[in-house]
Amino acid sequence: MRGSVAAELLVARRRPSTWILLGTWTLLALVFAYAVPYVQYLNGSSRRPLDDVLPQHLVAQLMAGFPFFGGVFALQLGVLALGSEYGWGTLRTLLTQRPGRLSIFAAKMAGLALTLVPFVLVVDAAGALASYGIALREGAGVSWPSAWLLLRGLGAGWLILAAWAAFGVLLAALSRGTSLAIGIGILYSLVVEGLLSALASEVGLLDRLVQLFLRANGYSLVAALGVSPADTGDRGPGSFSGPFVSGGQALVVLSAYLVVLLAASGWLLQRRDVT
C-alpha cells in the first residue's frame, strides 16, 4: 500500500497540471488577499485598515479565499486524479497489474490527500512573506498568530480543499473523464451554490438547504477562525453573506462530505465497467 501511495504521489507531482493549479492558486490568493487590499490602502480608496494585511491577521486574511476559490482548484485536482486515468486509457492497465479496484482507489485518494498539503502550506508561507514584507515597508510591528490558530487554519484549509476534491473525484467517476466533470463542477459551484446562496436571504425556505452546501460550511468554518462576514460578502463570484452555521457543524458537515463522496466514488469504480 505504501508503495502504491508513493507511486501515485510521484505521478501527481510529475503532472504539469498539478503545478499549474498550485501556482495559479497561490498567485490569486496573494493578489486578492494582499496585493489588492494593500494597493487600495496606499491609494486611500479602501476603508480597510493596514492591520488587515499585517502578520497578526495572517489566518483570517488567507482563509477567506479557501471556501470557493481554493475549492474550485481542489475540485479540478480531484477530477484529474481519477478522470485522467479514463482519458489516457490507463485505468484498465492498472487494474490488470495491481491488487484490486478499491486498493488502487485508496492509493489514489491517499496520494491526492498528500498532494493537497502543499496547496495549503505554500499559500500560507507565501502569505506570511507578503504580510511580513508589508509590515517592514510600513514600519509596523510584527506579531504572528498563535501556533494553535495557525494549526487550526492549516487543518481547516486542508479539510475544505479535501471536500471539494472529493466532489471532483465523484464527478470524474460519474462522467469517466475530465472535461465534462470540470465543467459541471465549476457550473455547480458558480450557478447552483452561488445563486441559491444569494437568494437564501430573500427566500426563507432556502436557508436550511444552503446550510448544507460546501460553500456555506466552508465559509462558516473559516468564520470560526476570525474571517469576518463582511469580508466573505465581497469576494466576487465567491461572495457569501450567509446563512452561516456554527464552526462545529461546519466541521461535521465537511467531514461527512469527504467520507460520503469518496465512498460513492469508490463504489462506482468497483461496480461499473471502466471503459
C-alpha atoms as a PDB file:
ATOM      1  CA  MET A   1       0.000   0.000   0.000  1.00  0.00           C
ATOM      2  CA  ARG A   2       2.818   2.404   0.879  1.00  0.00           C
ATOM      3  CA  GLY A   3       4.463   1.746  -2.472  1.00  0.00           C
ATOM      4  CA  SER A   4       1.198   2.441  -4.283  1.00  0.00           C
ATOM      5  CA  VAL A   5       0.668   5.709  -2.416  1.00  0.00           C
ATOM      6  CA  ALA A   6       4.237   6.794  -3.145  1.00  0.00           C
ATOM      7  CA  ALA A   7       3.747   5.951  -6.817  1.00  0.00           C
ATOM      8  CA  GLU A   8       0.510   7.930  -7.025  1.00  0.00           C
ATOM      9  CA  LEU A   9       2.113  10.887  -5.251  1.00  0.00           C
ATOM     10  CA  LEU A  10       5.016  10.783  -7.703  1.00  0.00           C
ATOM     11  CA  VAL A  11       2.597  10.750 -10.632  1.00  0.00           C
ATOM     12  CA  ALA A  12       0.741  13.749  -9.209  1.00  0.00           C
ATOM     13  CA  ARG A  13       3.985  15.666  -8.722  1.00  0.00           C
ATOM     14  CA  ARG A  14       5.066  14.958 -12.271  1.00  0.00           C
ATOM     15  CA  ARG A  15       1.730  16.019 -13.708  1.00  0.00           C
ATOM     16  CA  PRO A  16       2.172  19.567 -15.109  1.00  0.00           C
ATOM     17  CA  SER A  17      -1.428  20.442 -14.314  1.00  0.00           C
ATOM     18  CA  THR A  18      -0.745  19.991 -10.584  1.00  0.00           C
ATOM     19  CA  TRP A  19       1.987  22.613 -10.616  1.00  0.00           C
ATOM     20  CA  ILE A  20      -0.074  24.932 -12.815  1.00  0.00           C
ATOM     21  CA  LEU A  21      -3.015  24.717 -10.418  1.00  0.00           C
ATOM     22  CA  LEU A  22      -0.768  25.235  -7.395  1.00  0.00           C
ATOM     23  CA  GLY A  23       0.988  28.227  -8.959  1.00  0.00           C
ATOM     24  CA  THR A  24      -2.248  29.849 -10.131  1.00  0.00           C
ATOM     25  CA  TRP A  25      -3.980  29.322  -6.797  1.00  0.00           C
ATOM     26  CA  THR A  26      -1.026  30.762  -4.876  1.00  0.00           C
ATOM     27  CA  LEU A  27      -0.791  33.790  -7.174  1.00  0.00           C
ATOM     28  CA  LEU A  28      -4.512  34.544  -6.947  1.00  0.00           C
ATOM     29  CA  ALA A  29      -4.507  34.119  -3.174  1.00  0.00           C
ATOM     30  CA  LEU A  30      -1.679  36.644  -2.821  1.00  0.00           C
ATOM     31  CA  VAL A  31      -3.226  39.109  -5.250  1.00  0.00           C
ATOM     32  CA  PHE A  32      -6.652  39.197  -3.613  1.00  0.00           C
ATOM     33  CA  ALA A  33      -5.541  38.729  -0.001  1.00  0.00           C
ATOM     34  CA  TYR A  34      -2.604  41.149  -0.015  1.00  0.00           C
ATOM     35  CA  ALA A  35      -1.800  42.975  -3.244  1.00  0.00           C
ATOM     36  CA  VAL A  36      -5.263  44.439  -3.899  1.00  0.00           C
ATOM     37  CA  PRO A  37      -6.036  45.440  -0.268  1.00  0.00           C
ATOM     38  CA  TYR A  38      -2.588  46.991   0.153  1.00  0.00           C
ATOM     39  CA  VAL A  39      -2.814  48.991  -3.077  1.00  0.00           C
ATOM     40  CA  GLN A  40      -6.262  50.189  -2.021  1.00  0.00           C
ATOM     41  CA  TYR A  41      -4.838  51.232   1.330  1.00  0.00           C
ATOM     42  CA  LEU A  42      -2.000  53.162  -0.335  1.00  0.00           C
ATOM     43  CA  ASN A  43      -4.419  54.920  -2.670  1.00  0.00           C
ATOM     44  CA  GLY A  44      -6.820  55.714   0.139  1.00  0.00           C
ATOM     45  CA  SER A  45      -9.626  54.008  -1.797  1.00  0.00           C
ATOM     46  CA  SER A  46     -10.468  51.491   0.903  1.00  0.00           C
ATOM     47  CA  ARG A  47     -11.760  51.767   4.449  1.00  0.00           C
ATOM     48  CA  ARG A  48      -9.931  48.587   5.416  1.00  0.00           C
ATOM     49  CA  PRO A  49      -7.108  49.321   7.855  1.00  0.00           C
ATOM     50  CA  LEU A  50      -3.487  48.390   7.317  1.00  0.00           C
ATOM     51  CA  ASP A  51      -3.769  45.851  10.150  1.00  0.00           C
ATOM     52  CA  ASP A  52      -5.735  43.511   7.888  1.00  0.00           C
ATOM     53  CA  VAL A  53      -2.645  42.739   5.790  1.00  0.00           C
ATOM     54  CA  LEU A  54      -0.180  42.533   8.670  1.00  0.00           C
ATOM     55  CA  PRO A  55       1.112  39.208  10.076  1.00  0.00           C
ATOM     56  CA  GLN A  56      -1.230  39.129  13.085  1.00  0.00           C
ATOM     57  CA  HIS A  57      -4.192  38.637  10.746  1.00  0.00           C
ATOM     58  CA  LEU A  58      -2.494  36.056   8.519  1.00  0.00           C
ATOM     59  CA  VAL A  59      -5.021  33.269   9.150  1.00  0.00           C
ATOM     60  CA  ALA A  60      -8.144  35.363   8.652  1.00  0.00           C
ATOM     61  CA  GLN A  61      -6.736  37.109   5.595  1.00  0.00           C
ATOM     62  CA  LEU A  62      -5.870  33.882   3.767  1.00  0.00           C
ATOM     63  CA  MET A  63      -8.712  31.637   4.910  1.00  0.00           C
ATOM     64  CA  ALA A  64     -11.363  33.785   3.225  1.00  0.00           C
ATOM     65  CA  GLY A  65     -10.200  32.519  -0.165  1.00  0.00           C
ATOM     66  CA  PHE A  66     -10.326  28.799   0.593  1.00  0.00           C
ATOM     67  CA  PRO A  67     -14.083  28.002   0.621  1.00  0.00           C
ATOM     68  CA  PHE A  68     -14.662  28.980  -3.007  1.00  0.00           C
ATOM     69  CA  PHE A  69     -11.556  29.930  -4.991  1.00  0.00           C
ATOM     70  CA  GLY A  70      -9.328  27.331  -3.400  1.00  0.00           C
ATOM     71  CA  GLY A  71     -12.181  24.854  -3.568  1.00  0.00           C
ATOM     72  CA  VAL A  72     -12.522  25.234  -7.329  1.00  0.00           C
ATOM     73  CA  PHE A  73      -8.813  24.476  -7.793  1.00  0.00           C
ATOM     74  CA  ALA A  74      -9.108  21.466  -5.485  1.00  0.00           C
ATOM     75  CA  LEU A  75     -12.141  20.261  -7.434  1.00  0.00           C
ATOM     76  CA  GLN A  76     -10.088  20.293 -10.639  1.00  0.00           C
ATOM     77  CA  LEU A  77      -7.278  18.429  -8.896  1.00  0.00           C
ATOM     78  CA  GLY A  78      -9.737  15.788  -7.713  1.00  0.00           C
ATOM     79  CA  VAL A  79     -11.139  15.387 -11.221  1.00  0.00           C
ATOM     80  CA  LEU A  80      -7.655  14.962 -12.672  1.00  0.00           C
ATOM     81  CA  ALA A  81      -6.648  12.429 -10.001  1.00  0.00           C
ATOM     82  CA  LEU A  82      -9.184   9.899 -11.297  1.00  0.00           C
ATOM     83  CA  GLY A  83     -10.598  11.259 -14.540  1.00  0.00           C
ATOM     84  CA  SER A  84      -7.235  11.462 -16.293  1.00  0.00           C
ATOM     85  CA  GLU A  85      -6.926   7.679 -16.000  1.00  0.00           C
ATOM     86  CA  TYR A  86     -10.083   7.322 -18.084  1.00  0.00           C
ATOM     87  CA  GLY A  87      -8.867   9.873 -20.612  1.00  0.00           C
ATOM     88  CA  TRP A  88      -5.469   8.229 -21.024  1.00  0.00           C
ATOM     89  CA  GLY A  89      -6.975   4.742 -21.093  1.00  0.00           C
ATOM     90  CA  THR A  90      -4.585   3.601 -18.359  1.00  0.00           C
ATOM     91  CA  LEU A  91      -7.124   2.540 -15.751  1.00  0.00           C
ATOM     92  CA  ARG A  92      -7.705  -0.887 -17.324  1.00  0.00           C
ATOM     93  CA  THR A  93      -3.951  -1.478 -17.364  1.00  0.00           C
ATOM     94  CA  LEU A  94      -3.696  -0.536 -13.700  1.00  0.00           C
ATOM     95  CA  LEU A  95      -6.491  -2.924 -12.804  1.00  0.00           C
ATOM     96  CA  THR A  96      -4.766  -5.841 -14.525  1.00  0.00           C
ATOM     97  CA  GLN A  97      -1.422  -5.242 -12.831  1.00  0.00           C
ATOM     98  CA  ARG A  98      -2.362  -4.288  -9.278  1.00  0.00           C
ATOM     99  CA  PRO A  99      -4.307  -5.871  -6.388  1.00  0.00           C
ATOM    100  CA  GLY A 100      -7.822  -4.565  -6.943  1.00  0.00           C
ATOM    101  CA  ARG A 101     -10.004  -1.601  -7.720  1.00  0.00           C
ATOM    102  CA  LEU A 102     -10.533  -0.428  -4.168  1.00  0.00           C
ATOM    103  CA  SER A 103      -6.831  -0.793  -3.360  1.00  0.00           C
ATOM    104  CA  ILE A 104      -5.931   1.349  -6.355  1.00  0.00           C
ATOM    105  CA  PHE A 105      -8.631   3.847  -5.466  1.00  0.00           C
ATOM    106  CA  ALA A 106      -7.434   4.063  -1.852  1.00  0.00           C
ATOM    107  CA  ALA A 107      -3.849   4.662  -3.016  1.00  0.00           C
ATOM    108  CA  LYS A 108      -5.000   7.372  -5.398  1.00  0.00           C
ATOM    109  CA  MET A 109      -7.012   9.123  -2.713  1.00  0.00           C
ATOM    110  CA  ALA A 110      -4.130   8.937  -0.241  1.00  0.00           C
ATOM    111  CA  GLY A 111      -1.873  10.447  -2.884  1.00  0.00           C
ATOM    112  CA  LEU A 112      -4.474  13.153  -3.545  1.00  0.00           C
ATOM    113  CA  ALA A 113      -4.719  13.926   0.181  1.00  0.00           C
ATOM    114  CA  LEU A 114      -0.953  14.409   0.353  1.00  0.00           C
ATOM    115  CA  THR A 115      -0.957  16.479  -2.829  1.00  0.00           C
ATOM    116  CA  LEU A 116      -3.398  18.904  -1.221  1.00  0.00           C
ATOM    117  CA  VAL A 117      -0.964  19.649   1.609  1.00  0.00           C
ATOM    118  CA  PRO A 118       1.223  21.998  -0.498  1.00  0.00           C
ATOM    119  CA  PHE A 119      -1.947  23.788  -1.645  1.00  0.00           C
ATOM    120  CA  VAL A 120      -2.313  24.862   1.983  1.00  0.00           C
ATOM    121  CA  LEU A 121       1.296  25.203   3.109  1.00  0.00           C
ATOM    122  CA  VAL A 122       2.599  27.090   0.072  1.00  0.00           C
ATOM    123  CA  VAL A 123      -0.218  29.637   0.200  1.00  0.00           C
ATOM    124  CA  ASP A 124       0.277  30.178   3.928  1.00  0.00           C
ATOM    125  CA  ALA A 125       4.047  30.521   3.537  1.00  0.00           C
ATOM    126  CA  ALA A 126       3.635  32.979   0.659  1.00  0.00           C
ATOM    127  CA  GLY A 127       1.066  34.940   2.659  1.00  0.00           C
ATOM    128  CA  ALA A 128       3.417  35.078   5.643  1.00  0.00           C
ATOM    129  CA  LEU A 129       6.194  36.502   3.473  1.00  0.00           C
ATOM    130  CA  ALA A 130       3.832  39.038   1.884  1.00  0.00           C
ATOM    131  CA  SER A 131       2.462  40.232   5.218  1.00  0.00           C
ATOM    132  CA  TYR A 132       5.946  40.417   6.711  1.00  0.00           C
ATOM    133  CA  GLY A 133       7.173  42.445   3.745  1.00  0.00           C
ATOM    134  CA  ILE A 134       4.272  44.890   4.096  1.00  0.00           C
ATOM    135  CA  ALA A 135       4.966  45.250   7.808  1.00  0.00           C
ATOM    136  CA  LEU A 136       8.637  46.038   7.153  1.00  0.00           C
ATOM    137  CA  ARG A 137       7.766  48.545   4.435  1.00  0.00           C
ATOM    138  CA  GLU A 138       5.275  50.344   6.665  1.00  0.00           C
ATOM    139  CA  GLY A 139       7.426  50.147   9.769  1.00  0.00           C
ATOM    140  CA  ALA A 140       4.640  48.331  11.604  1.00  0.00           C
ATOM    141  CA  GLY A 141       5.125  45.945  14.482  1.00  0.00           C
ATOM    142  CA  VAL A 142       5.243  42.235  13.638  1.00  0.00           C
ATOM    143  CA  SER A 143       3.060  39.960  15.753  1.00  0.00           C
ATOM    144  CA  TRP A 144       2.269  36.471  14.474  1.00  0.00           C
ATOM    145  CA  PRO A 145      -0.880  34.448  15.233  1.00  0.00           C
ATOM    146  CA  SER A 146      -0.616  31.781  17.915  1.00  0.00           C
ATOM    147  CA  ALA A 147       0.649  28.353  16.931  1.00  0.00           C
ATOM    148  CA  TRP A 148      -2.751  26.868  17.804  1.00  0.00           C
ATOM    149  CA  LEU A 149      -4.574  29.276  15.496  1.00  0.00           C
ATOM    150  CA  LEU A 150      -2.093  28.562  12.699  1.00  0.00           C
ATOM    151  CA  LEU A 151      -2.595  24.814  13.091  1.00  0.00           C
ATOM    152  CA  ARG A 152      -6.367  25.221  13.086  1.00  0.00           C
ATOM    153  CA  GLY A 153      -6.115  27.344   9.954  1.00  0.00           C
ATOM    154  CA  LEU A 154      -3.974  24.753   8.188  1.00  0.00           C
ATOM    155  CA  GLY A 155      -6.346  21.957   9.169  1.00  0.00           C
ATOM    156  CA  ALA A 156      -9.438  23.907   8.136  1.00  0.00           C
ATOM    157  CA  GLY A 157      -7.866  24.843   4.811  1.00  0.00           C
ATOM    158  CA  TRP A 158      -6.968  21.232   4.070  1.00  0.00           C
ATOM    159  CA  LEU A 159     -10.428  19.941   5.012  1.00  0.00           C
ATOM    160  CA  ILE A 160     -12.172  22.494   2.790  1.00  0.00           C
ATOM    161  CA  LEU A 161      -9.943  21.622  -0.158  1.00  0.00           C
ATOM    162  CA  ALA A 162     -10.313  17.898   0.510  1.00  0.00           C
ATOM    163  CA  ALA A 163     -14.121  18.103   0.484  1.00  0.00           C
ATOM    164  CA  TRP A 164     -14.091  19.935  -2.853  1.00  0.00           C
ATOM    165  CA  ALA A 165     -11.514  17.495  -4.251  1.00  0.00           C
ATOM    166  CA  ALA A 166     -13.732  14.574  -3.214  1.00  0.00           C
ATOM    167  CA  PHE A 167     -16.567  16.207  -5.129  1.00  0.00           C
ATOM    168  CA  GLY A 168     -14.299  16.370  -8.170  1.00  0.00           C
ATOM    169  CA  VAL A 169     -13.412  12.689  -7.797  1.00  0.00           C
ATOM    170  CA  LEU A 170     -17.108  11.756  -7.779  1.00  0.00           C
ATOM    171  CA  LEU A 171     -17.784  13.848 -10.892  1.00  0.00           C
ATOM    172  CA  ALA A 172     -14.859  12.142 -12.628  1.00  0.00           C
ATOM    173  CA  ALA A 173     -16.195   8.711 -11.661  1.00  0.00           C
ATOM    174  CA  LEU A 174     -19.666   9.609 -12.943  1.00  0.00           C
ATOM    175  CA  SER A 175     -18.506  11.105 -16.252  1.00  0.00           C
ATOM    176  CA  ARG A 176     -15.487   8.794 -16.752  1.00  0.00           C
ATOM    177  CA  GLY A 177     -13.375  11.715 -17.870  1.00  0.00           C
ATOM    178  CA  THR A 178     -12.140  15.182 -17.046  1.00  0.00           C
ATOM    179  CA  SER A 179     -13.632  17.861 -19.307  1.00  0.00           C
ATOM    180  CA  LEU A 180     -17.294  17.262 -18.528  1.00  0.00           C
ATOM    181  CA  ALA A 181     -16.562  16.736 -14.829  1.00  0.00           C
ATOM    182  CA  ILE A 182     -14.666  20.029 -14.510  1.00  0.00           C
ATOM    183  CA  GLY A 183     -17.365  21.869 -16.458  1.00  0.00           C
ATOM    184  CA  ILE A 184     -20.162  20.508 -14.274  1.00  0.00           C
ATOM    185  CA  GLY A 185     -18.192  21.194 -11.104  1.00  0.00           C
ATOM    186  CA  ILE A 186     -17.487  24.820 -11.932  1.00  0.00           C
ATOM    187  CA  LEU A 187     -21.060  25.337 -13.140  1.00  0.00           C
ATOM    188  CA  TYR A 188     -22.392  23.865  -9.910  1.00  0.00           C
ATOM    189  CA  SER A 189     -20.140  25.985  -7.697  1.00  0.00           C
ATOM    190  CA  LEU A 190     -20.968  29.190  -9.574  1.00  0.00           C
ATOM    191  CA  VAL A 191     -24.624  28.742 -10.510  1.00  0.00           C
ATOM    192  CA  VAL A 192     -26.256  26.281  -8.123  1.00  0.00           C
ATOM    193  CA  GLU A 193     -24.497  27.126  -4.879  1.00  0.00           C
ATOM    194  CA  GLY A 194     -23.844  30.742  -5.836  1.00  0.00           C
ATOM    195  CA  LEU A 195     -27.375  31.668  -6.882  1.00  0.00           C
ATOM    196  CA  LEU A 196     -29.174  29.719  -4.175  1.00  0.00           C
ATOM    197  CA  SER A 197     -26.892  31.203  -1.525  1.00  0.00           C
ATOM    198  CA  ALA A 198     -27.636  34.689  -2.833  1.00  0.00           C
ATOM    199  CA  LEU A 199     -31.382  34.003  -2.756  1.00  0.00           C
ATOM    200  CA  ALA A 200     -31.358  32.478   0.720  1.00  0.00           C
ATOM    201  CA  SER A 201     -31.761  35.879   2.379  1.00  0.00           C
ATOM    202  CA  GLU A 202     -34.907  36.512   0.332  1.00  0.00           C
ATOM    203  CA  VAL A 203     -36.448  33.022   0.364  1.00  0.00           C
ATOM    204  CA  GLY A 204     -36.565  31.628   3.870  1.00  0.00           C
ATOM    205  CA  LEU A 205     -37.150  28.044   2.709  1.00  0.00           C
ATOM    206  CA  LEU A 206     -33.704  28.016   1.104  1.00  0.00           C
ATOM    207  CA  ASP A 207     -31.920  28.671   4.394  1.00  0.00           C
ATOM    208  CA  ARG A 208     -31.819  25.056   5.539  1.00  0.00           C
ATOM    209  CA  LEU A 209     -30.814  23.846   2.076  1.00  0.00           C
ATOM    210  CA  VAL A 210     -27.979  26.369   1.759  1.00  0.00           C
ATOM    211  CA  GLN A 211     -26.698  25.388   5.195  1.00  0.00           C
ATOM    212  CA  LEU A 212     -25.777  22.003   3.717  1.00  0.00           C
ATOM    213  CA  PHE A 213     -23.760  23.420   0.827  1.00  0.00           C
ATOM    214  CA  LEU A 214     -19.992  23.139   0.563  1.00  0.00           C
ATOM    215  CA  ARG A 215     -19.703  26.898   0.210  1.00  0.00           C
ATOM    216  CA  ALA A 216     -21.815  27.693   3.293  1.00  0.00           C
ATOM    217  CA  ASN A 217     -19.976  25.241   5.527  1.00  0.00           C
ATOM    218  CA  GLY A 218     -16.586  26.266   4.204  1.00  0.00           C
ATOM    219  CA  TYR A 219     -17.250  29.926   4.934  1.00  0.00           C
ATOM    220  CA  SER A 220     -18.735  29.045   8.316  1.00  0.00           C
ATOM    221  CA  LEU A 221     -15.602  27.103   9.221  1.00  0.00           C
ATOM    222  CA  VAL A 222     -13.280  29.983   8.343  1.00  0.00           C
ATOM    223  CA  ALA A 223     -15.604  32.431  10.112  1.00  0.00           C
ATOM    224  CA  ALA A 224     -14.867  30.490  13.288  1.00  0.00           C
ATOM    225  CA  LEU A 225     -11.192  31.317  12.702  1.00  0.00           C
ATOM    226  CA  GLY A 226     -11.742  35.057  12.551  1.00  0.00           C
ATOM    227  CA  VAL A 227     -12.822  35.752   8.963  1.00  0.00           C
ATOM    228  CA  SER A 228     -15.473  38.483   9.074  1.00  0.00           C
ATOM    229  CA  PRO A 229     -18.826  38.080   7.250  1.00  0.00           C
ATOM    230  CA  ALA A 230     -18.196  41.481   5.658  1.00  0.00           C
ATOM    231  CA  ASP A 231     -15.051  40.087   4.048  1.00  0.00           C
ATOM    232  CA  THR A 232     -16.744  36.938   2.722  1.00  0.00           C
ATOM    233  CA  GLY A 233     -19.540  39.052   1.257  1.00  0.00           C
ATOM    234  CA  ASP A 234     -17.129  40.913  -1.018  1.00  0.00           C
ATOM    235  CA  ARG A 235     -15.461  38.095  -2.955  1.00  0.00           C
ATOM    236  CA  GLY A 236     -16.834  38.499  -6.476  1.00  0.00           C
ATOM    237  CA  PRO A 237     -18.202  35.161  -7.718  1.00  0.00           C
ATOM    238  CA  GLY A 238     -17.196  33.629  -4.400  1.00  0.00           C
ATOM    239  CA  SER A 239     -19.183  36.081  -2.292  1.00  0.00           C
ATOM    240  CA  PHE A 240     -21.167  34.644   0.582  1.00  0.00           C
ATOM    241  CA  SER A 241     -23.335  36.594   3.034  1.00  0.00           C
ATOM    242  CA  GLY A 242     -24.972  33.694   4.839  1.00  0.00           C
ATOM    243  CA  PRO A 243     -26.629  31.785   6.251  1.00  0.00           C
ATOM    244  CA  PHE A 244     -23.725  30.752   8.484  1.00  0.00           C
ATOM    245  CA  VAL A 245     -23.670  27.726  10.755  1.00  0.00           C
ATOM    246  CA  SER A 246     -21.560  27.024  13.819  1.00  0.00           C
ATOM    247  CA  GLY A 247     -17.933  26.040  13.390  1.00  0.00           C
ATOM    248  CA  GLY A 248     -18.623  22.616  14.895  1.00  0.00           C
ATOM    249  CA  GLN A 249     -21.468  21.921  12.498  1.00  0.00           C
ATOM    250  CA  ALA A 250     -19.351  23.056   9.563  1.00  0.00           C
ATOM    251  CA  LEU A 251     -16.586  20.687  10.632  1.00  0.00           C
ATOM    252  CA  VAL A 252     -19.007  17.754  10.833  1.00  0.00           C
ATOM    253  CA  VAL A 253     -20.705  18.523   7.504  1.00  0.00           C
ATOM    254  CA  LEU A 254     -17.452  18.945   5.577  1.00  0.00           C
ATOM    255  CA  SER A 255     -16.072  15.728   7.076  1.00  0.00           C
ATOM    256  CA  ALA A 256     -19.290  13.957   6.101  1.00  0.00           C
ATOM    257  CA  TYR A 257     -18.974  15.299   2.555  1.00  0.00           C
ATOM    258  CA  LEU A 258     -15.431  13.955   2.374  1.00  0.00           C
ATOM    259  CA  VAL A 259     -16.374  10.479   3.574  1.00  0.00           C
ATOM    260  CA  VAL A 260     -19.635  10.103   1.622  1.00  0.00           C
ATOM    261  CA  LEU A 261     -18.296  11.462  -1.676  1.00  0.00           C
ATOM    262  CA  LEU A 262     -15.220   9.241  -1.584  1.00  0.00           C
ATOM    263  CA  ALA A 263     -17.307   6.212  -0.586  1.00  0.00           C
ATOM    264  CA  ALA A 264     -19.671   6.837  -3.509  1.00  0.00           C
ATOM    265  CA  SER A 265     -16.743   7.237  -5.901  1.00  0.00           C
ATOM    266  CA  GLY A 266     -15.142   4.003  -4.694  1.00  0.00           C
ATOM    267  CA  TRP A 267     -18.447   2.184  -5.049  1.00  0.00           C
ATOM    268  CA  LEU A 268     -18.867   3.427  -8.621  1.00  0.00           C
ATOM    269  CA  LEU A 269     -15.333   2.382  -9.533  1.00  0.00           C
ATOM    270  CA  GLN A 270     -15.918  -1.029  -8.010  1.00  0.00           C
ATOM    271  CA  ARG A 271     -19.297  -1.689  -9.644  1.00  0.00           C
ATOM    272  CA  ARG A 272     -19.076  -0.078 -13.075  1.00  0.00           C
ATOM    273  CA  ASP A 273     -17.140  -1.041 -16.164  1.00  0.00           C
ATOM    274  CA  VAL A 274     -14.022   1.115 -16.512  1.00  0.00           C
ATOM    275  CA  THR A 275     -14.385   1.730 -20.250  1.00  0.00           C
END
